[in-house]
Amino acid sequence: MEFEIFDLGLVDFKKSWNLQKEIFLKVKNGFLKSGLILCQHYPVITLGRSSNKKNILFPEEELKTRGIQIYEIERGGDVTYHGPGQMIAYPIFNLNFFKKDIHFFLRYLEEIVIDLLGDFGINAQRRIGLTGVWVEQKKIASIGIAIRNWITFHGLSINIKKEDLANFRFIRPCGMDIEMTSLETVLERDIEIADIKQNIRDTLSSNRGTLLQPKQRVSLLT
């Protein structure tokens, strides 16, 4: 399956959300086979379809004064935080050309993260009954998707920069009392977001256990 890559850099969540919808319609109407958005976000809290607002631990007005926006969105899962210290990937994939199995696709996204972290010498794992990726007892990557007409949107976020972890204190991540970690925290050294972005591209391009093949052309949107 071919897919086009849209590299947005650091972008407001709503802009990327709108672009997901635009790409979704192009895929649905046959103008694009599939797409992959890579980006970082300014601080934002999103609530999925299963969210309980009580899992946001600070008043909304206080969060806004701190520059943190809040959006209720159509992905699965509970509450999560996104910030500039994460690498985010939104696959808008037509599963009619992949595999029409939601659980398989979630495991596929987890495997992408596990492979990426393995390239850094980190032994990351899944947890039975939970979606996401963990390093020992701490969560390093969150996954939440939506699917319509067997086309996916929303996706995954990987915590890279350790200084961005502080904002997770404003929520109960995924509605659970868990501790989040980051790639920098585990490796105890600085990591460039650009390196992770390239690694994601390489992982997808290497076709590790998948039927995906990216197009050579990369779209850069600002």
C-alpha atoms as a PDB file:
ATOM      1  CA  MET A   1       0.000   0.000   0.000  1.00  0.00           C
ATOM      2  CA  GLU A   2       1.372   3.413  -0.943  1.00  0.00           C
ATOM      3  CA  PHE A   3       1.106   6.369   1.402  1.00  0.00           C
ATOM      4  CA  GLU A   4       2.139   9.995   1.203  1.00  0.00           C
ATOM      5  CA  ILE A   5       3.978  11.643   4.108  1.00  0.00           C
ATOM      6  CA  PHE A   6       2.930  15.088   5.369  1.00  0.00           C
ATOM      7  CA  ASP A   7       5.571  16.614   7.650  1.00  0.00           C
ATOM      8  CA  LEU A   8       4.013  19.487   9.618  1.00  0.00           C
ATOM      9  CA  GLY A   9       6.740  20.164  12.188  1.00  0.00           C
ATOM     10  CA  LEU A  10       5.474  21.906  15.340  1.00  0.00           C
ATOM     11  CA  VAL A  11       1.811  22.671  14.738  1.00  0.00           C
ATOM     12  CA  ASP A  12      -1.387  23.566  16.559  1.00  0.00           C
ATOM     13  CA  PHE A  13      -3.493  20.471  17.233  1.00  0.00           C
ATOM     14  CA  LYS A  14      -6.567  21.843  15.474  1.00  0.00           C
ATOM     15  CA  LYS A  15      -4.617  22.459  12.261  1.00  0.00           C
ATOM     16  CA  SER A  16      -3.420  18.862  12.170  1.00  0.00           C
ATOM     17  CA  TRP A  17      -6.910  17.632  13.079  1.00  0.00           C
ATOM     18  CA  ASN A  18      -8.386  19.534  10.146  1.00  0.00           C
ATOM     19  CA  LEU A  19      -5.710  18.178   7.827  1.00  0.00           C
ATOM     20  CA  GLN A  20      -6.516  14.636   8.956  1.00  0.00           C
ATOM     21  CA  LYS A  21     -10.113  15.202   7.902  1.00  0.00           C
ATOM     22  CA  GLU A  22      -9.024  16.582   4.524  1.00  0.00           C
ATOM     23  CA  ILE A  23      -6.739  13.618   3.871  1.00  0.00           C
ATOM     24  CA  PHE A  24      -9.443  11.230   5.065  1.00  0.00           C
ATOM     25  CA  LEU A  25     -11.846  12.584   2.440  1.00  0.00           C
ATOM     26  CA  LYS A  26      -9.186  12.308  -0.276  1.00  0.00           C
ATOM     27  CA  VAL A  27      -8.560   8.680   0.685  1.00  0.00           C
ATOM     28  CA  LYS A  28     -12.268   7.916   0.897  1.00  0.00           C
ATOM     29  CA  ASN A  29     -12.929   9.440  -2.529  1.00  0.00           C
ATOM     30  CA  GLY A  30      -9.966   7.710  -4.158  1.00  0.00           C
ATOM     31  CA  PHE A  31      -7.783  10.788  -4.736  1.00  0.00           C
ATOM     32  CA  LEU A  32      -5.103   9.442  -2.365  1.00  0.00           C
ATOM     33  CA  LYS A  33      -4.339   5.850  -1.406  1.00  0.00           C
ATOM     34  CA  SER A  34      -3.270   6.642   2.163  1.00  0.00           C
ATOM     35  CA  GLY A  35      -1.427   9.329   4.119  1.00  0.00           C
ATOM     36  CA  LEU A  36       0.827   9.717   7.149  1.00  0.00           C
ATOM     37  CA  ILE A  37       1.085  12.961   9.137  1.00  0.00           C
ATOM     38  CA  LEU A  38       4.211  13.480  11.243  1.00  0.00           C
ATOM     39  CA  CYS A  39       4.221  16.392  13.689  1.00  0.00           C
ATOM     40  CA  GLN A  40       4.652  17.815  17.172  1.00  0.00           C
ATOM     41  CA  HIS A  41       1.994  19.808  19.001  1.00  0.00           C
ATOM     42  CA  TYR A  42       1.853  22.893  21.124  1.00  0.00           C
ATOM     43  CA  PRO A  43       0.580  21.809  24.588  1.00  0.00           C
ATOM     44  CA  VAL A  44      -2.882  20.269  24.314  1.00  0.00           C
ATOM     45  CA  ILE A  45      -5.108  17.828  26.179  1.00  0.00           C
ATOM     46  CA  THR A  46      -7.459  15.657  24.146  1.00  0.00           C
ATOM     47  CA  LEU A  47     -10.378  13.554  25.336  1.00  0.00           C
ATOM     48  CA  GLY A  48     -11.342  10.444  23.395  1.00  0.00           C
ATOM     49  CA  ARG A  49     -14.740   8.798  23.123  1.00  0.00           C
ATOM     50  CA  SER A  50     -14.308   6.907  26.402  1.00  0.00           C
ATOM     51  CA  SER A  51     -13.079   9.906  28.381  1.00  0.00           C
ATOM     52  CA  ASN A  52     -14.141  10.941  31.835  1.00  0.00           C
ATOM     53  CA  LYS A  53     -13.535  14.660  32.361  1.00  0.00           C
ATOM     54  CA  LYS A  54     -12.678  13.912  35.995  1.00  0.00           C
ATOM     55  CA  ASN A  55      -9.378  12.585  34.645  1.00  0.00           C
ATOM     56  CA  ILE A  56      -8.400  16.194  33.952  1.00  0.00           C
ATOM     57  CA  LEU A  57      -7.075  17.157  37.365  1.00  0.00           C
ATOM     58  CA  PHE A  58      -6.839  20.951  36.965  1.00  0.00           C
ATOM     59  CA  PRO A  59      -9.608  23.465  36.105  1.00  0.00           C
ATOM     60  CA  GLU A  60      -9.920  24.168  32.389  1.00  0.00           C
ATOM     61  CA  GLU A  61      -9.442  27.910  32.866  1.00  0.00           C
ATOM     62  CA  GLU A  62      -6.196  27.365  34.743  1.00  0.00           C
ATOM     63  CA  LEU A  63      -4.919  25.087  31.989  1.00  0.00           C
ATOM     64  CA  LYS A  64      -5.749  27.707  29.368  1.00  0.00           C
ATOM     65  CA  THR A  65      -3.790  30.324  31.303  1.00  0.00           C
ATOM     66  CA  ARG A  66      -0.862  27.924  31.058  1.00  0.00           C
ATOM     67  CA  GLY A  67      -1.333  27.761  27.295  1.00  0.00           C
ATOM     68  CA  ILE A  68      -2.843  24.273  27.243  1.00  0.00           C
ATOM     69  CA  GLN A  69      -5.859  23.804  24.977  1.00  0.00           C
ATOM     70  CA  ILE A  70      -8.518  21.086  25.466  1.00  0.00           C
ATOM     71  CA  TYR A  71     -10.369  19.243  22.698  1.00  0.00           C
ATOM     72  CA  GLU A  72     -12.958  16.481  22.702  1.00  0.00           C
ATOM     73  CA  ILE A  73     -12.231  14.287  19.689  1.00  0.00           C
ATOM     74  CA  GLU A  74     -13.445  11.129  17.989  1.00  0.00           C
ATOM     75  CA  ARG A  75     -10.555   8.759  18.700  1.00  0.00           C
ATOM     76  CA  GLY A  76     -10.905   5.870  21.101  1.00  0.00           C
ATOM     77  CA  GLY A  77      -9.541   5.947  24.617  1.00  0.00           C
ATOM     78  CA  ASP A  78      -9.538   8.412  27.492  1.00  0.00           C
ATOM     79  CA  VAL A  79      -7.609  11.606  28.166  1.00  0.00           C
ATOM     80  CA  THR A  80      -4.047  12.253  27.011  1.00  0.00           C
ATOM     81  CA  TYR A  81      -1.565  15.095  26.710  1.00  0.00           C
ATOM     82  CA  HIS A  82       0.431  16.144  23.643  1.00  0.00           C
ATOM     83  CA  GLY A  83       3.316  18.586  23.615  1.00  0.00           C
ATOM     84  CA  PRO A  84       6.370  19.698  21.653  1.00  0.00           C
ATOM     85  CA  GLY A  85       8.495  17.009  23.302  1.00  0.00           C
ATOM     86  CA  GLN A  86       6.605  14.202  21.573  1.00  0.00           C
ATOM     87  CA  MET A  87       6.809  12.707  18.107  1.00  0.00           C
ATOM     88  CA  ILE A  88       3.299  12.198  16.776  1.00  0.00           C
ATOM     89  CA  ALA A  89       2.221  10.073  13.825  1.00  0.00           C
ATOM     90  CA  TYR A  90      -1.283  10.132  12.379  1.00  0.00           C
ATOM     91  CA  PRO A  91      -1.765   7.335   9.827  1.00  0.00           C
ATOM     92  CA  ILE A  92      -4.726   7.909   7.534  1.00  0.00           C
ATOM     93  CA  PHE A  93      -4.592   4.394   6.118  1.00  0.00           C
ATOM     94  CA  ASN A  94      -7.162   2.631   3.995  1.00  0.00           C
ATOM     95  CA  LEU A  95      -7.404  -0.780   5.658  1.00  0.00           C
ATOM     96  CA  ASN A  96      -9.123  -2.155   2.582  1.00  0.00           C
ATOM     97  CA  PHE A  97      -5.555  -2.316   1.191  1.00  0.00           C
ATOM     98  CA  PHE A  98      -3.988  -3.475   4.457  1.00  0.00           C
ATOM     99  CA  LYS A  99      -6.039  -5.688   6.767  1.00  0.00           C
ATOM    100  CA  LYS A 100      -9.599  -5.012   7.915  1.00  0.00           C
ATOM    101  CA  ASP A 101      -8.927  -5.763  11.562  1.00  0.00           C
ATOM    102  CA  ILE A 102      -8.888  -2.960  14.148  1.00  0.00           C
ATOM    103  CA  HIS A 103      -7.005  -4.938  16.802  1.00  0.00           C
ATOM    104  CA  PHE A 104      -4.394  -6.021  14.267  1.00  0.00           C
ATOM    105  CA  PHE A 105      -3.854  -2.389  13.307  1.00  0.00           C
ATOM    106  CA  LEU A 106      -3.432  -1.303  16.942  1.00  0.00           C
ATOM    107  CA  ARG A 107      -0.864  -4.052  17.465  1.00  0.00           C
ATOM    108  CA  TYR A 108       0.848  -2.939  14.254  1.00  0.00           C
ATOM    109  CA  LEU A 109       1.199   0.616  15.608  1.00  0.00           C
ATOM    110  CA  GLU A 110       2.592  -0.751  18.870  1.00  0.00           C
ATOM    111  CA  GLU A 111       5.095  -2.801  16.893  1.00  0.00           C
ATOM    112  CA  ILE A 112       6.258   0.295  15.023  1.00  0.00           C
ATOM    113  CA  VAL A 113       7.079   1.941  18.363  1.00  0.00           C
ATOM    114  CA  ILE A 114       8.688  -1.205  19.789  1.00  0.00           C
ATOM    115  CA  ASP A 115      10.897  -1.487  16.695  1.00  0.00           C
ATOM    116  CA  LEU A 116      11.856   2.183  16.925  1.00  0.00           C
ATOM    117  CA  LEU A 117      12.803   1.928  20.600  1.00  0.00           C
ATOM    118  CA  GLY A 118      14.673  -1.297  19.901  1.00  0.00           C
ATOM    119  CA  ASP A 119      16.889   0.650  17.508  1.00  0.00           C
ATOM    120  CA  PHE A 120      17.937   2.694  20.564  1.00  0.00           C
ATOM    121  CA  GLY A 121      18.634  -0.438  22.603  1.00  0.00           C
ATOM    122  CA  ILE A 122      15.419  -0.178  24.636  1.00  0.00           C
ATOM    123  CA  ASN A 123      13.411  -3.292  25.405  1.00  0.00           C
ATOM    124  CA  ALA A 124       9.840  -1.965  25.200  1.00  0.00           C
ATOM    125  CA  GLN A 125       6.736  -4.100  25.667  1.00  0.00           C
ATOM    126  CA  ARG A 126       2.996  -4.265  25.284  1.00  0.00           C
ATOM    127  CA  ARG A 127       0.722  -4.884  28.252  1.00  0.00           C
ATOM    128  CA  ILE A 128      -2.065  -7.414  28.039  1.00  0.00           C
ATOM    129  CA  GLY A 129      -5.445  -5.720  27.839  1.00  0.00           C
ATOM    130  CA  LEU A 130      -3.981  -2.229  27.394  1.00  0.00           C
ATOM    131  CA  THR A 131      -3.120  -0.228  24.288  1.00  0.00           C
ATOM    132  CA  GLY A 132       0.243   1.526  24.088  1.00  0.00           C
ATOM    133  CA  VAL A 133       3.913   0.785  24.719  1.00  0.00           C
ATOM    134  CA  TRP A 134       5.720   0.495  28.039  1.00  0.00           C
ATOM    135  CA  VAL A 135       9.276   0.470  29.334  1.00  0.00           C
ATOM    136  CA  GLU A 136       9.241  -1.587  32.516  1.00  0.00           C
ATOM    137  CA  GLN A 137       6.387  -0.083  34.582  1.00  0.00           C
ATOM    138  CA  LYS A 138       6.205   3.270  32.798  1.00  0.00           C
ATOM    139  CA  LYS A 139       4.325   4.215  29.635  1.00  0.00           C
ATOM    140  CA  ILE A 140       6.328   5.768  26.823  1.00  0.00           C
ATOM    141  CA  ALA A 141       3.852   5.782  23.921  1.00  0.00           C
ATOM    142  CA  SER A 142       0.097   6.292  23.682  1.00  0.00           C
ATOM    143  CA  ILE A 143      -2.168   5.116  20.867  1.00  0.00           C
ATOM    144  CA  GLY A 144      -5.719   6.125  20.054  1.00  0.00           C
ATOM    145  CA  ILE A 145      -7.411   5.813  16.685  1.00  0.00           C
ATOM    146  CA  ALA A 146     -10.702   6.314  14.928  1.00  0.00           C
ATOM    147  CA  ILE A 147     -11.896   4.280  11.938  1.00  0.00           C
ATOM    148  CA  ARG A 148     -14.615   5.128   9.426  1.00  0.00           C
ATOM    149  CA  ASN A 149     -15.215   3.247   6.194  1.00  0.00           C
ATOM    150  CA  TRP A 150     -12.159   1.184   7.162  1.00  0.00           C
ATOM    151  CA  ILE A 151     -10.001   4.299   6.942  1.00  0.00           C
ATOM    152  CA  THR A 152      -7.993   5.184  10.060  1.00  0.00           C
ATOM    153  CA  PHE A 153      -7.150   8.551  11.573  1.00  0.00           C
ATOM    154  CA  HIS A 154      -5.582   9.863  14.775  1.00  0.00           C
ATOM    155  CA  GLY A 155      -2.728   7.593  15.825  1.00  0.00           C
ATOM    156  CA  LEU A 156       0.260   7.456  18.173  1.00  0.00           C
ATOM    157  CA  SER A 157       2.509   9.690  20.244  1.00  0.00           C
ATOM    158  CA  ILE A 158       5.952   8.841  21.597  1.00  0.00           C
ATOM    159  CA  ASN A 159       7.416  10.760  24.537  1.00  0.00           C
ATOM    160  CA  ILE A 160      10.890  11.946  23.522  1.00  0.00           C
ATOM    161  CA  LYS A 161      11.949  14.988  25.589  1.00  0.00           C
ATOM    162  CA  LYS A 162      12.053  14.564  29.354  1.00  0.00           C
ATOM    163  CA  GLU A 163      11.087  18.186  30.141  1.00  0.00           C
ATOM    164  CA  ASP A 164       7.677  17.699  28.505  1.00  0.00           C
ATOM    165  CA  LEU A 165       6.687  14.971  30.974  1.00  0.00           C
ATOM    166  CA  ALA A 166       5.801  17.521  33.667  1.00  0.00           C
ATOM    167  CA  ASN A 167       2.533  18.419  31.938  1.00  0.00           C
ATOM    168  CA  PHE A 168       1.192  14.892  32.412  1.00  0.00           C
ATOM    169  CA  ARG A 169       0.583  15.883  36.039  1.00  0.00           C
ATOM    170  CA  PHE A 170      -2.497  17.770  34.867  1.00  0.00           C
ATOM    171  CA  ILE A 171      -4.270  14.522  33.912  1.00  0.00           C
ATOM    172  CA  ARG A 172      -4.669  10.857  34.742  1.00  0.00           C
ATOM    173  CA  PRO A 173      -3.140   9.525  31.503  1.00  0.00           C
ATOM    174  CA  CYS A 174      -5.552   7.183  29.749  1.00  0.00           C
ATOM    175  CA  GLY A 175      -7.698   7.373  32.892  1.00  0.00           C
ATOM    176  CA  MET A 176      -5.120   5.417  34.899  1.00  0.00           C
ATOM    177  CA  ASP A 177      -2.781   6.109  37.788  1.00  0.00           C
ATOM    178  CA  ILE A 178       0.382   5.470  35.813  1.00  0.00           C
ATOM    179  CA  GLU A 179       3.748   7.125  35.398  1.00  0.00           C
ATOM    180  CA  MET A 180       4.902   8.307  32.007  1.00  0.00           C
ATOM    181  CA  THR A 181       8.482   8.196  30.793  1.00  0.00           C
ATOM    182  CA  SER A 182      10.394   9.449  27.781  1.00  0.00           C
ATOM    183  CA  LEU A 183      13.170   8.317  25.481  1.00  0.00           C
ATOM    184  CA  GLU A 184      15.543  10.872  27.007  1.00  0.00           C
ATOM    185  CA  THR A 185      14.677   9.717  30.529  1.00  0.00           C
ATOM    186  CA  VAL A 186      15.400   6.080  29.700  1.00  0.00           C
ATOM    187  CA  LEU A 187      18.622   6.776  27.778  1.00  0.00           C
ATOM    188  CA  GLU A 188      19.796   9.587  30.078  1.00  0.00           C
ATOM    189  CA  ARG A 189      20.907  11.730  27.153  1.00  0.00           C
ATOM    190  CA  ASP A 190      19.499  14.289  24.756  1.00  0.00           C
ATOM    191  CA  ILE A 191      17.561  13.046  21.727  1.00  0.00           C
ATOM    192  CA  GLU A 192      16.678  15.118  18.686  1.00  0.00           C
ATOM    193  CA  ILE A 193      13.058  14.944  17.512  1.00  0.00           C
ATOM    194  CA  ALA A 194      14.316  14.993  13.905  1.00  0.00           C
ATOM    195  CA  ASP A 195      16.159  11.719  14.504  1.00  0.00           C
ATOM    196  CA  ILE A 196      12.957  10.037  15.704  1.00  0.00           C
ATOM    197  CA  LYS A 197      11.030  11.379  12.742  1.00  0.00           C
ATOM    198  CA  GLN A 198      13.578   9.895  10.358  1.00  0.00           C
ATOM    199  CA  ASN A 199      13.499   6.613  12.276  1.00  0.00           C
ATOM    200  CA  ILE A 200       9.707   6.383  11.868  1.00  0.00           C
ATOM    201  CA  ARG A 201      10.069   6.971   8.139  1.00  0.00           C
ATOM    202  CA  ASP A 202      12.804   4.332   7.927  1.00  0.00           C
ATOM    203  CA  THR A 203      10.771   1.832   9.971  1.00  0.00           C
ATOM    204  CA  LEU A 204       7.766   2.195   7.693  1.00  0.00           C
ATOM    205  CA  SER A 205       9.924   2.190   4.563  1.00  0.00           C
ATOM    206  CA  SER A 206      11.709  -1.003   5.634  1.00  0.00           C
ATOM    207  CA  ASN A 207       8.345  -2.815   5.546  1.00  0.00           C
ATOM    208  CA  ARG A 208       8.984  -4.574   8.861  1.00  0.00           C
ATOM    209  CA  GLY A 209       6.253  -7.161   9.000  1.00  0.00           C
ATOM    210  CA  THR A 210       3.816  -5.072   6.989  1.00  0.00           C
ATOM    211  CA  LEU A 211       2.465  -4.624   3.487  1.00  0.00           C
ATOM    212  CA  LEU A 212       3.036  -0.881   3.510  1.00  0.00           C
ATOM    213  CA  GLN A 213       5.192   0.881   0.953  1.00  0.00           C
ATOM    214  CA  PRO A 214       5.637   4.677   1.082  1.00  0.00           C
ATOM    215  CA  LYS A 215       5.801   6.845  -2.012  1.00  0.00           C
ATOM    216  CA  GLN A 216       9.162   8.449  -2.638  1.00  0.00           C
ATOM    217  CA  ARG A 217       7.695  11.952  -2.686  1.00  0.00           C
ATOM    218  CA  VAL A 218       7.406  13.658   0.716  1.00  0.00           C
ATOM    219  CA  SER A 219       5.073  16.611   1.203  1.00  0.00           C
ATOM    220  CA  LEU A 220       6.306  19.335   3.523  1.00  0.00           C
ATOM    221  CA  LEU A 221       3.484  21.527   4.835  1.00  0.00           C
ATOM    222  CA  THR A 222       3.877  24.570   7.066  1.00  0.00           C
END
